[in-house]
Amino acid sequence: MRLDVGPVEIGIDPSERAEDTVAMAKIPFGAEFVESNAVMTSIANCNSSLVRDRTMLDAAMVYASADQDMRHTPLYDRVSSP
């Protein structure tokens, strides 16, 4: 994680796992660095920009409180088109 050139991309998980993710990021980067820098990026997929399920909202609150990057995007797909 430390030798990466940008934030680590993570998925949306329940808030307990999001809290674990933030805590684990403090191991290689240090707590002070994580508290003042974005070291991870989370992308929340949804079917509609007006619909957010509880898991996404809870995780968003954890990442926002830790000042980490959170992107909400409708219909994001990791598979590229030919």
N, C-alpha and C. Protein backbone atom coordinates (compact mmCIF):
# COMPACT_ATOMS: atom_id res chain seq x y z
N MET A 1 0.81 -1.20 0.00
CA MET A 1 0.00 0.00 0.00
C MET A 1 0.85 1.26 0.00
N ARG A 2 1.96 1.23 0.67
CA ARG A 2 2.78 2.43 0.78
C ARG A 2 3.44 2.84 -0.52
N LEU A 3 3.73 1.90 -1.39
CA LEU A 3 4.45 2.21 -2.62
C LEU A 3 3.50 2.56 -3.77
N ASP A 4 2.22 2.56 -3.52
CA ASP A 4 1.24 2.89 -4.55
C ASP A 4 1.30 4.39 -4.82
N VAL A 5 1.00 4.80 -6.04
CA VAL A 5 1.08 6.21 -6.40
C VAL A 5 -0.20 6.97 -6.11
N GLY A 6 -1.27 6.28 -5.81
CA GLY A 6 -2.54 6.96 -5.55
C GLY A 6 -3.32 6.24 -4.47
N PRO A 7 -4.50 6.77 -4.16
CA PRO A 7 -5.33 6.12 -3.14
C PRO A 7 -5.72 4.70 -3.55
N VAL A 8 -5.84 3.84 -2.58
CA VAL A 8 -6.25 2.46 -2.81
C VAL A 8 -7.76 2.43 -3.01
N GLU A 9 -8.21 1.74 -4.06
CA GLU A 9 -9.65 1.65 -4.31
C GLU A 9 -10.24 0.52 -3.48
N ILE A 10 -11.31 0.83 -2.77
CA ILE A 10 -11.97 -0.16 -1.93
C ILE A 10 -13.44 -0.24 -2.29
N GLY A 11 -14.07 -1.32 -1.94
CA GLY A 11 -15.48 -1.51 -2.21
C GLY A 11 -16.34 -1.06 -1.04
N ILE A 12 -17.63 -1.06 -1.29
CA ILE A 12 -18.57 -0.70 -0.23
C ILE A 12 -18.88 -1.94 0.60
N ASP A 13 -18.73 -1.81 1.87
CA ASP A 13 -19.00 -2.88 2.81
C ASP A 13 -19.86 -2.33 3.94
N PRO A 14 -20.41 -3.19 4.77
CA PRO A 14 -21.11 -2.69 5.95
C PRO A 14 -20.21 -1.80 6.79
N SER A 15 -20.79 -0.96 7.61
CA SER A 15 -20.02 0.03 8.36
C SER A 15 -18.93 -0.58 9.23
N GLU A 16 -19.17 -1.79 9.76
CA GLU A 16 -18.14 -2.42 10.59
C GLU A 16 -16.88 -2.70 9.76
N ARG A 17 -17.06 -3.16 8.54
CA ARG A 17 -15.90 -3.43 7.68
C ARG A 17 -15.25 -2.13 7.22
N ALA A 18 -16.06 -1.11 7.00
CA ALA A 18 -15.50 0.19 6.63
C ALA A 18 -14.63 0.74 7.76
N GLU A 19 -15.09 0.58 8.99
CA GLU A 19 -14.29 1.01 10.14
C GLU A 19 -12.99 0.21 10.22
N ASP A 20 -13.06 -1.08 9.94
CA ASP A 20 -11.85 -1.91 9.92
C ASP A 20 -10.90 -1.46 8.82
N THR A 21 -11.44 -1.09 7.67
CA THR A 21 -10.62 -0.63 6.55
C THR A 21 -9.86 0.63 6.92
N VAL A 22 -10.54 1.57 7.55
CA VAL A 22 -9.88 2.81 7.98
C VAL A 22 -8.81 2.49 9.02
N ALA A 23 -9.12 1.61 9.96
CA ALA A 23 -8.15 1.23 10.99
C ALA A 23 -6.93 0.54 10.37
N MET A 24 -7.16 -0.34 9.39
CA MET A 24 -6.05 -1.04 8.74
C MET A 24 -5.19 -0.09 7.92
N ALA A 25 -5.78 0.96 7.36
CA ALA A 25 -5.00 1.93 6.59
C ALA A 25 -4.02 2.68 7.49
N LYS A 26 -4.34 2.75 8.77
CA LYS A 26 -3.46 3.45 9.71
C LYS A 26 -2.19 2.66 10.01
N ILE A 27 -2.19 1.37 9.71
CA ILE A 27 -1.00 0.54 9.98
C ILE A 27 0.15 0.94 9.06
N PRO A 28 -0.01 0.89 7.72
CA PRO A 28 1.14 1.26 6.88
C PRO A 28 1.39 2.76 6.79
N PHE A 29 0.32 3.58 6.89
CA PHE A 29 0.47 5.02 6.68
C PHE A 29 0.66 5.81 7.96
N GLY A 30 0.20 5.27 9.09
CA GLY A 30 0.23 6.00 10.35
C GLY A 30 -1.06 6.76 10.56
N ALA A 31 -1.50 6.83 11.81
CA ALA A 31 -2.78 7.46 12.14
C ALA A 31 -2.83 8.93 11.76
N GLU A 32 -1.77 9.67 12.04
CA GLU A 32 -1.76 11.11 11.73
C GLU A 32 -1.87 11.36 10.23
N PHE A 33 -1.18 10.55 9.42
CA PHE A 33 -1.22 10.73 7.98
C PHE A 33 -2.61 10.43 7.42
N VAL A 34 -3.25 9.35 7.91
CA VAL A 34 -4.59 8.97 7.44
C VAL A 34 -5.61 10.03 7.83
N GLU A 35 -5.44 10.63 8.99
CA GLU A 35 -6.38 11.64 9.46
C GLU A 35 -6.31 12.93 8.64
N SER A 36 -5.20 13.17 7.97
CA SER A 36 -5.08 14.41 7.21
C SER A 36 -4.92 14.22 5.70
N ASN A 37 -4.96 12.96 5.22
CA ASN A 37 -4.80 12.68 3.79
C ASN A 37 -5.74 11.56 3.36
N ALA A 38 -6.20 11.64 2.13
CA ALA A 38 -7.01 10.55 1.57
C ALA A 38 -6.06 9.46 1.09
N VAL A 39 -6.19 8.28 1.67
CA VAL A 39 -5.35 7.15 1.27
C VAL A 39 -6.16 6.06 0.60
N MET A 40 -7.47 6.24 0.54
CA MET A 40 -8.34 5.26 -0.11
C MET A 40 -9.48 5.96 -0.82
N THR A 41 -9.97 5.31 -1.87
CA THR A 41 -11.11 5.81 -2.63
C THR A 41 -12.17 4.73 -2.66
N SER A 42 -13.38 5.10 -2.33
CA SER A 42 -14.47 4.13 -2.34
C SER A 42 -15.51 4.57 -3.37
N ILE A 43 -15.97 3.63 -4.16
CA ILE A 43 -16.97 3.93 -5.19
C ILE A 43 -18.26 3.22 -4.82
N ALA A 44 -19.32 4.00 -4.68
CA ALA A 44 -20.63 3.45 -4.35
C ALA A 44 -21.46 3.33 -5.62
N ASN A 45 -21.79 2.12 -5.99
CA ASN A 45 -22.66 1.88 -7.13
C ASN A 45 -24.11 1.95 -6.68
N CYS A 46 -24.94 2.38 -7.57
CA CYS A 46 -26.37 2.37 -7.26
C CYS A 46 -27.14 2.29 -8.57
N ASN A 47 -28.38 1.85 -8.49
CA ASN A 47 -29.20 1.74 -9.69
C ASN A 47 -29.72 3.08 -10.14
N SER A 48 -29.88 3.98 -9.24
CA SER A 48 -30.37 5.31 -9.55
C SER A 48 -29.64 6.29 -8.67
N SER A 49 -29.42 7.48 -9.17
CA SER A 49 -28.72 8.47 -8.35
C SER A 49 -29.58 8.91 -7.17
N LEU A 50 -30.86 8.58 -7.17
CA LEU A 50 -31.73 8.95 -6.06
C LEU A 50 -31.90 7.83 -5.04
N VAL A 51 -31.32 6.67 -5.30
CA VAL A 51 -31.49 5.53 -4.41
C VAL A 51 -30.14 5.16 -3.78
N ARG A 52 -30.11 5.14 -2.48
CA ARG A 52 -28.92 4.71 -1.75
C ARG A 52 -29.40 3.69 -0.71
N ASP A 53 -28.81 2.54 -0.68
CA ASP A 53 -29.23 1.59 0.35
C ASP A 53 -28.49 1.85 1.65
N ARG A 54 -28.94 1.20 2.70
CA ARG A 54 -28.41 1.44 4.03
C ARG A 54 -26.92 1.13 4.13
N THR A 55 -26.48 0.07 3.46
CA THR A 55 -25.06 -0.30 3.51
C THR A 55 -24.19 0.81 2.95
N MET A 56 -24.59 1.36 1.80
CA MET A 56 -23.80 2.44 1.20
C MET A 56 -23.79 3.68 2.08
N LEU A 57 -24.94 4.03 2.64
CA LEU A 57 -25.00 5.22 3.48
C LEU A 57 -24.17 5.07 4.75
N ASP A 58 -24.26 3.90 5.38
CA ASP A 58 -23.47 3.67 6.59
C ASP A 58 -21.97 3.72 6.30
N ALA A 59 -21.56 3.09 5.21
CA ALA A 59 -20.14 3.12 4.83
C ALA A 59 -19.71 4.54 4.46
N ALA A 60 -20.57 5.26 3.77
CA ALA A 60 -20.25 6.65 3.40
C ALA A 60 -20.02 7.51 4.63
N MET A 61 -20.80 7.27 5.67
CA MET A 61 -20.63 8.04 6.91
C MET A 61 -19.28 7.72 7.57
N VAL A 62 -18.88 6.46 7.54
CA VAL A 62 -17.59 6.07 8.12
C VAL A 62 -16.45 6.72 7.35
N TYR A 63 -16.48 6.61 6.01
CA TYR A 63 -15.39 7.17 5.21
C TYR A 63 -15.38 8.70 5.28
N ALA A 64 -16.54 9.31 5.31
CA ALA A 64 -16.61 10.77 5.41
C ALA A 64 -16.06 11.25 6.75
N SER A 65 -16.39 10.54 7.82
CA SER A 65 -15.89 10.94 9.14
C SER A 65 -14.37 10.76 9.25
N ALA A 66 -13.82 9.87 8.42
CA ALA A 66 -12.37 9.66 8.39
C ALA A 66 -11.70 10.51 7.31
N ASP A 67 -12.46 11.39 6.66
CA ASP A 67 -11.95 12.27 5.59
C ASP A 67 -11.33 11.49 4.43
N GLN A 68 -11.96 10.38 4.06
CA GLN A 68 -11.50 9.58 2.93
C GLN A 68 -12.40 9.83 1.73
N ASP A 69 -11.88 9.61 0.55
CA ASP A 69 -12.59 9.89 -0.69
C ASP A 69 -13.73 8.89 -0.88
N MET A 70 -14.89 9.40 -1.23
CA MET A 70 -16.08 8.57 -1.46
C MET A 70 -16.76 9.08 -2.72
N ARG A 71 -16.88 8.23 -3.71
CA ARG A 71 -17.52 8.62 -4.97
C ARG A 71 -18.83 7.87 -5.15
N HIS A 72 -19.87 8.62 -5.39
CA HIS A 72 -21.19 8.03 -5.64
C HIS A 72 -21.48 8.16 -7.13
N THR A 73 -21.71 7.06 -7.76
CA THR A 73 -21.93 7.10 -9.19
C THR A 73 -22.97 6.06 -9.59
N PRO A 74 -23.91 6.44 -10.44
CA PRO A 74 -24.89 5.45 -10.91
C PRO A 74 -24.29 4.61 -12.03
N LEU A 75 -24.61 3.36 -12.00
CA LEU A 75 -24.28 2.44 -13.09
C LEU A 75 -22.79 2.34 -13.39
N TYR A 76 -21.95 2.46 -12.39
CA TYR A 76 -20.50 2.29 -12.57
C TYR A 76 -20.22 0.82 -12.77
N ASP A 77 -19.44 0.51 -13.77
CA ASP A 77 -19.11 -0.88 -14.05
C ASP A 77 -17.62 -0.99 -14.25
N ARG A 78 -17.00 -1.92 -13.55
CA ARG A 78 -15.54 -2.09 -13.66
C ARG A 78 -15.13 -2.79 -14.94
N VAL A 79 -16.06 -3.42 -15.60
CA VAL A 79 -15.75 -4.14 -16.83
C VAL A 79 -15.83 -3.15 -17.99
N SER A 80 -14.76 -3.06 -18.73
CA SER A 80 -14.76 -2.11 -19.85
C SER A 80 -15.45 -2.71 -21.07
N SER A 81 -16.01 -1.85 -21.86
CA SER A 81 -16.69 -2.28 -23.08
C SER A 81 -15.67 -2.53 -24.18
N PRO A 82 -15.95 -3.48 -25.08
CA PRO A 82 -15.00 -3.72 -26.18
C PRO A 82 -14.99 -2.58 -27.17
